[in-house]
Amino acid sequence: MFSDQFLDKEENGKIFDVIIDYLTSEKVNLNGIDAEDPEISDYQFLPDTPKLADRLKACLQEGDEIPRDFTKLFEHSLYKLDNALVPKVIRSYEVLEMKHEPSL
């Protein structure tokens, strides 16, 4: 663990010094700020995967028949770039009684 490359990176020599001080002396001086209020993250609960695997539920629903032209399965109107909403935006300036001027 304490190879030369490890000690040279990011002041890891301090970790080595603390461990040696802990092993060789009765009193260990820790940083007072960190010792009084350590940063402890919340416990992350993990699912019990083997138990969930035993309660596997199969889906018996049949899917719809796939059309010959598979491009009909894609929704092209979700992501498009056009100026169809510009008239509504300009009317919204009139409704809100704001000046229609270009933003800088």
N, C-alpha and C. Protein backbone atom coordinates (compact mmCIF):
# COMPACT_ATOMS: atom_id res chain seq x y z
N MET A 1 0.83 -1.20 0.00
CA MET A 1 0.00 0.00 0.00
C MET A 1 0.87 1.26 0.00
N PHE A 2 1.94 1.23 0.73
CA PHE A 2 2.77 2.43 0.84
C PHE A 2 3.98 2.35 -0.08
N SER A 3 3.74 2.20 -1.35
CA SER A 3 4.84 2.20 -2.30
C SER A 3 5.27 3.65 -2.57
N ASP A 4 6.38 3.81 -3.24
CA ASP A 4 6.90 5.15 -3.50
C ASP A 4 5.95 5.98 -4.35
N GLN A 5 5.29 5.34 -5.32
CA GLN A 5 4.36 6.08 -6.18
C GLN A 5 3.16 6.57 -5.39
N PHE A 6 2.69 5.78 -4.43
CA PHE A 6 1.54 6.18 -3.63
C PHE A 6 1.89 7.36 -2.73
N LEU A 7 3.07 7.34 -2.14
CA LEU A 7 3.46 8.41 -1.23
C LEU A 7 3.69 9.72 -1.95
N ASP A 8 4.11 9.67 -3.21
CA ASP A 8 4.40 10.89 -3.96
C ASP A 8 3.14 11.61 -4.42
N LYS A 9 2.04 10.91 -4.54
CA LYS A 9 0.81 11.50 -5.07
C LYS A 9 0.00 12.16 -3.96
N GLU A 10 -0.42 13.39 -4.18
CA GLU A 10 -1.41 14.11 -3.38
C GLU A 10 -1.17 14.03 -1.88
N GLU A 11 0.05 14.19 -1.44
CA GLU A 11 0.39 14.26 -0.02
C GLU A 11 -0.05 13.02 0.76
N ASN A 12 0.09 11.86 0.16
CA ASN A 12 -0.29 10.62 0.84
C ASN A 12 0.71 10.25 1.93
N GLY A 13 1.82 10.94 1.99
CA GLY A 13 2.78 10.72 3.06
C GLY A 13 2.19 11.04 4.42
N LYS A 14 1.23 11.95 4.46
CA LYS A 14 0.58 12.29 5.73
C LYS A 14 -0.21 11.10 6.28
N ILE A 15 -0.82 10.33 5.41
CA ILE A 15 -1.55 9.13 5.84
C ILE A 15 -0.56 8.14 6.45
N PHE A 16 0.57 7.98 5.81
CA PHE A 16 1.61 7.09 6.32
C PHE A 16 2.09 7.55 7.69
N ASP A 17 2.31 8.86 7.85
CA ASP A 17 2.77 9.39 9.14
C ASP A 17 1.75 9.16 10.24
N VAL A 18 0.46 9.35 9.95
CA VAL A 18 -0.60 9.15 10.95
C VAL A 18 -0.66 7.69 11.37
N ILE A 19 -0.56 6.79 10.42
CA ILE A 19 -0.62 5.36 10.75
C ILE A 19 0.60 4.95 11.58
N ILE A 20 1.77 5.43 11.22
CA ILE A 20 2.97 5.11 12.00
C ILE A 20 2.87 5.70 13.40
N ASP A 21 2.39 6.94 13.54
CA ASP A 21 2.20 7.55 14.87
C ASP A 21 1.19 6.76 15.69
N TYR A 22 0.13 6.29 15.07
CA TYR A 22 -0.89 5.52 15.77
C TYR A 22 -0.32 4.19 16.29
N LEU A 23 0.50 3.57 15.47
CA LEU A 23 1.05 2.27 15.85
C LEU A 23 2.18 2.38 16.86
N THR A 24 2.91 3.49 16.88
CA THR A 24 4.09 3.60 17.74
C THR A 24 3.87 4.40 19.01
N SER A 25 2.80 5.17 19.10
CA SER A 25 2.62 5.98 20.31
C SER A 25 1.20 5.79 20.86
N GLU A 26 1.02 6.25 22.09
CA GLU A 26 -0.27 6.14 22.76
C GLU A 26 -1.24 7.23 22.33
N LYS A 27 -0.71 8.38 21.96
CA LYS A 27 -1.55 9.54 21.66
C LYS A 27 -1.48 9.88 20.18
N VAL A 28 -2.63 10.02 19.56
CA VAL A 28 -2.70 10.39 18.15
C VAL A 28 -3.40 11.74 18.07
N ASN A 29 -2.76 12.70 17.42
CA ASN A 29 -3.34 14.04 17.26
C ASN A 29 -3.99 14.13 15.89
N LEU A 30 -5.30 14.21 15.88
CA LEU A 30 -6.04 14.39 14.63
C LEU A 30 -6.36 15.86 14.46
N ASN A 31 -6.72 16.21 13.26
CA ASN A 31 -7.15 17.59 13.01
C ASN A 31 -8.43 17.83 13.81
N GLY A 32 -8.42 18.83 14.69
CA GLY A 32 -9.53 19.08 15.59
C GLY A 32 -10.83 19.37 14.89
N ILE A 33 -10.79 20.08 13.81
CA ILE A 33 -12.02 20.43 13.08
C ILE A 33 -12.65 19.17 12.50
N ASP A 34 -11.84 18.30 11.92
CA ASP A 34 -12.38 17.08 11.31
C ASP A 34 -12.81 16.06 12.36
N ALA A 35 -12.12 16.01 13.50
CA ALA A 35 -12.45 15.01 14.52
C ALA A 35 -13.76 15.33 15.22
N GLU A 36 -14.07 16.62 15.40
CA GLU A 36 -15.30 17.00 16.10
C GLU A 36 -16.54 16.85 15.23
N ASP A 37 -16.43 17.16 13.97
CA ASP A 37 -17.58 17.14 13.07
C ASP A 37 -17.21 16.43 11.77
N PRO A 38 -17.11 15.10 11.78
CA PRO A 38 -16.72 14.39 10.56
C PRO A 38 -17.85 14.43 9.53
N GLU A 39 -17.47 14.42 8.29
CA GLU A 39 -18.46 14.39 7.21
C GLU A 39 -18.85 12.94 6.95
N ILE A 40 -20.05 12.59 7.33
CA ILE A 40 -20.54 11.22 7.16
C ILE A 40 -21.73 11.28 6.22
N SER A 41 -21.64 10.54 5.15
CA SER A 41 -22.74 10.54 4.18
C SER A 41 -23.83 9.59 4.64
N ASP A 42 -25.03 9.78 4.11
CA ASP A 42 -26.16 8.94 4.46
C ASP A 42 -25.94 7.53 3.92
N TYR A 43 -26.53 6.57 4.63
CA TYR A 43 -26.42 5.17 4.22
C TYR A 43 -27.23 4.95 2.95
N GLN A 44 -26.66 4.29 1.98
CA GLN A 44 -27.33 3.99 0.73
C GLN A 44 -27.88 2.57 0.79
N PHE A 45 -29.18 2.43 0.79
CA PHE A 45 -29.80 1.11 0.82
C PHE A 45 -29.73 0.47 -0.56
N LEU A 46 -29.30 -0.78 -0.59
CA LEU A 46 -29.22 -1.52 -1.84
C LEU A 46 -30.30 -2.60 -1.84
N PRO A 47 -30.90 -2.86 -2.98
CA PRO A 47 -31.93 -3.89 -3.03
C PRO A 47 -31.33 -5.29 -2.85
N ASP A 48 -32.12 -6.17 -2.30
CA ASP A 48 -31.70 -7.56 -2.12
C ASP A 48 -31.94 -8.28 -3.45
N THR A 49 -30.92 -8.30 -4.27
CA THR A 49 -31.05 -8.82 -5.63
C THR A 49 -31.43 -10.30 -5.68
N PRO A 50 -30.83 -11.17 -4.87
CA PRO A 50 -31.25 -12.58 -4.93
C PRO A 50 -32.72 -12.78 -4.56
N LYS A 51 -33.21 -12.04 -3.57
CA LYS A 51 -34.61 -12.19 -3.17
C LYS A 51 -35.53 -11.67 -4.28
N LEU A 52 -35.15 -10.56 -4.92
CA LEU A 52 -35.95 -10.04 -6.02
C LEU A 52 -35.94 -10.98 -7.22
N ALA A 53 -34.81 -11.67 -7.44
CA ALA A 53 -34.72 -12.60 -8.55
C ALA A 53 -35.62 -13.80 -8.34
N ASP A 54 -35.84 -14.18 -7.08
CA ASP A 54 -36.74 -15.30 -6.79
C ASP A 54 -38.20 -14.93 -7.03
N ARG A 55 -38.53 -13.65 -6.92
CA ARG A 55 -39.91 -13.20 -7.12
C ARG A 55 -40.12 -12.61 -8.51
N LEU A 56 -39.49 -13.19 -9.48
CA LEU A 56 -39.55 -12.70 -10.85
C LEU A 56 -40.97 -12.82 -11.41
N LYS A 57 -41.45 -11.78 -12.05
CA LYS A 57 -42.78 -11.80 -12.65
C LYS A 57 -42.61 -11.71 -14.17
N ALA A 58 -43.13 -12.68 -14.85
CA ALA A 58 -43.01 -12.72 -16.30
C ALA A 58 -44.13 -11.91 -16.93
N CYS A 59 -43.84 -11.34 -18.07
CA CYS A 59 -44.84 -10.56 -18.80
C CYS A 59 -45.35 -11.43 -19.96
N LEU A 60 -46.63 -11.72 -19.92
CA LEU A 60 -47.22 -12.59 -20.94
C LEU A 60 -47.96 -11.80 -22.01
N GLN A 61 -47.86 -10.49 -21.97
CA GLN A 61 -48.57 -9.67 -22.95
C GLN A 61 -47.87 -9.74 -24.30
N GLU A 62 -48.67 -9.92 -25.33
CA GLU A 62 -48.11 -9.95 -26.67
C GLU A 62 -48.04 -8.53 -27.21
N GLY A 63 -47.00 -8.27 -27.97
CA GLY A 63 -46.82 -6.95 -28.55
C GLY A 63 -47.62 -6.78 -29.83
N ASP A 64 -47.75 -5.53 -30.25
CA ASP A 64 -48.43 -5.25 -31.52
C ASP A 64 -47.55 -5.73 -32.68
N GLU A 65 -48.21 -5.98 -33.79
CA GLU A 65 -47.48 -6.43 -34.96
C GLU A 65 -46.64 -5.27 -35.50
N ILE A 66 -45.40 -5.57 -35.84
CA ILE A 66 -44.48 -4.54 -36.34
C ILE A 66 -44.78 -4.30 -37.82
N PRO A 67 -44.98 -3.01 -38.20
CA PRO A 67 -45.27 -2.73 -39.61
C PRO A 67 -44.03 -2.96 -40.48
N ARG A 68 -44.30 -3.14 -41.80
CA ARG A 68 -43.18 -3.36 -42.72
C ARG A 68 -42.26 -2.15 -42.77
N ASP A 69 -42.86 -0.95 -42.76
CA ASP A 69 -42.05 0.27 -42.74
C ASP A 69 -41.82 0.65 -41.27
N PHE A 70 -40.69 0.25 -40.72
CA PHE A 70 -40.42 0.45 -39.29
C PHE A 70 -40.25 1.92 -38.93
N THR A 71 -40.07 2.80 -39.92
CA THR A 71 -39.90 4.22 -39.60
C THR A 71 -41.20 4.84 -39.08
N LYS A 72 -42.32 4.16 -39.27
CA LYS A 72 -43.59 4.65 -38.73
C LYS A 72 -43.63 4.53 -37.20
N LEU A 73 -42.73 3.75 -36.63
CA LEU A 73 -42.68 3.59 -35.18
C LEU A 73 -42.03 4.79 -34.48
N PHE A 74 -41.33 5.63 -35.22
CA PHE A 74 -40.64 6.77 -34.63
C PHE A 74 -41.54 8.00 -34.63
N GLU A 75 -41.46 8.77 -33.56
CA GLU A 75 -42.22 10.01 -33.45
C GLU A 75 -41.29 11.15 -33.85
N HIS A 76 -41.49 11.70 -35.05
CA HIS A 76 -40.60 12.73 -35.57
C HIS A 76 -40.97 14.13 -35.08
N SER A 77 -42.14 14.32 -34.54
CA SER A 77 -42.54 15.66 -34.12
C SER A 77 -41.99 16.04 -32.74
N LEU A 78 -41.40 15.10 -32.02
CA LEU A 78 -40.88 15.41 -30.70
C LEU A 78 -39.66 16.31 -30.77
N TYR A 79 -38.75 16.03 -31.68
CA TYR A 79 -37.52 16.78 -31.80
C TYR A 79 -37.42 17.35 -33.19
N LYS A 80 -37.88 18.55 -33.34
CA LYS A 80 -37.78 19.18 -34.64
C LYS A 80 -37.43 20.65 -34.44
N LEU A 81 -36.89 21.24 -35.47
CA LEU A 81 -36.46 22.62 -35.42
C LEU A 81 -37.18 23.37 -36.53
N ASP A 82 -38.11 24.22 -36.16
CA ASP A 82 -38.81 25.02 -37.16
C ASP A 82 -39.31 26.31 -36.50
N ASN A 83 -39.98 27.13 -37.28
CA ASN A 83 -40.46 28.42 -36.79
C ASN A 83 -41.97 28.43 -36.59
N ALA A 84 -42.55 27.30 -36.28
CA ALA A 84 -44.01 27.21 -36.16
C ALA A 84 -44.54 27.99 -34.96
N LEU A 85 -43.76 28.18 -33.93
CA LEU A 85 -44.23 28.87 -32.73
C LEU A 85 -43.95 30.37 -32.72
N VAL A 86 -43.27 30.88 -33.74
CA VAL A 86 -42.93 32.31 -33.77
C VAL A 86 -44.18 33.19 -33.74
N PRO A 87 -45.24 32.92 -34.51
CA PRO A 87 -46.43 33.79 -34.44
C PRO A 87 -47.05 33.82 -33.04
N LYS A 88 -47.07 32.70 -32.34
CA LYS A 88 -47.62 32.68 -30.98
C LYS A 88 -46.76 33.51 -30.03
N VAL A 89 -45.46 33.46 -30.21
CA VAL A 89 -44.56 34.23 -29.36
C VAL A 89 -44.76 35.73 -29.59
N ILE A 90 -44.88 36.13 -30.83
CA ILE A 90 -45.09 37.55 -31.14
C ILE A 90 -46.43 38.02 -30.58
N ARG A 91 -47.47 37.18 -30.68
CA ARG A 91 -48.76 37.56 -30.09
C ARG A 91 -48.69 37.65 -28.57
N SER A 92 -47.85 36.83 -27.96
CA SER A 92 -47.72 36.88 -26.50
C SER A 92 -47.10 38.21 -26.05
N TYR A 93 -46.26 38.83 -26.89
CA TYR A 93 -45.74 40.15 -26.55
C TYR A 93 -46.89 41.16 -26.49
N GLU A 94 -47.83 41.06 -27.44
CA GLU A 94 -48.96 41.98 -27.45
C GLU A 94 -49.87 41.74 -26.25
N VAL A 95 -50.11 40.49 -25.90
CA VAL A 95 -50.98 40.16 -24.78
C VAL A 95 -50.36 40.66 -23.47
N LEU A 96 -49.06 40.51 -23.34
CA LEU A 96 -48.37 40.93 -22.11
C LEU A 96 -48.00 42.41 -22.13
N GLU A 97 -48.31 43.09 -23.23
CA GLU A 97 -48.03 44.51 -23.41
C GLU A 97 -46.55 44.82 -23.19
N MET A 98 -45.74 44.06 -23.89
CA MET A 98 -44.29 44.26 -23.83
C MET A 98 -43.80 44.71 -25.20
N LYS A 99 -42.65 45.39 -25.22
CA LYS A 99 -42.05 45.79 -26.49
C LYS A 99 -41.43 44.54 -27.14
N HIS A 100 -41.62 44.47 -28.44
CA HIS A 100 -40.99 43.38 -29.17
C HIS A 100 -39.69 43.92 -29.76
N GLU A 101 -38.59 43.63 -29.07
CA GLU A 101 -37.29 44.10 -29.53
C GLU A 101 -36.29 42.96 -29.40
N PRO A 102 -35.28 42.96 -30.26
CA PRO A 102 -34.30 41.87 -30.18
C PRO A 102 -33.50 41.95 -28.88
N SER A 103 -33.19 40.81 -28.33
CA SER A 103 -32.39 40.76 -27.11
C SER A 103 -30.92 40.75 -27.49
N LEU A 104 -30.11 41.32 -26.66
CA LEU A 104 -28.67 41.41 -26.96
C LEU A 104 -27.90 40.36 -26.23
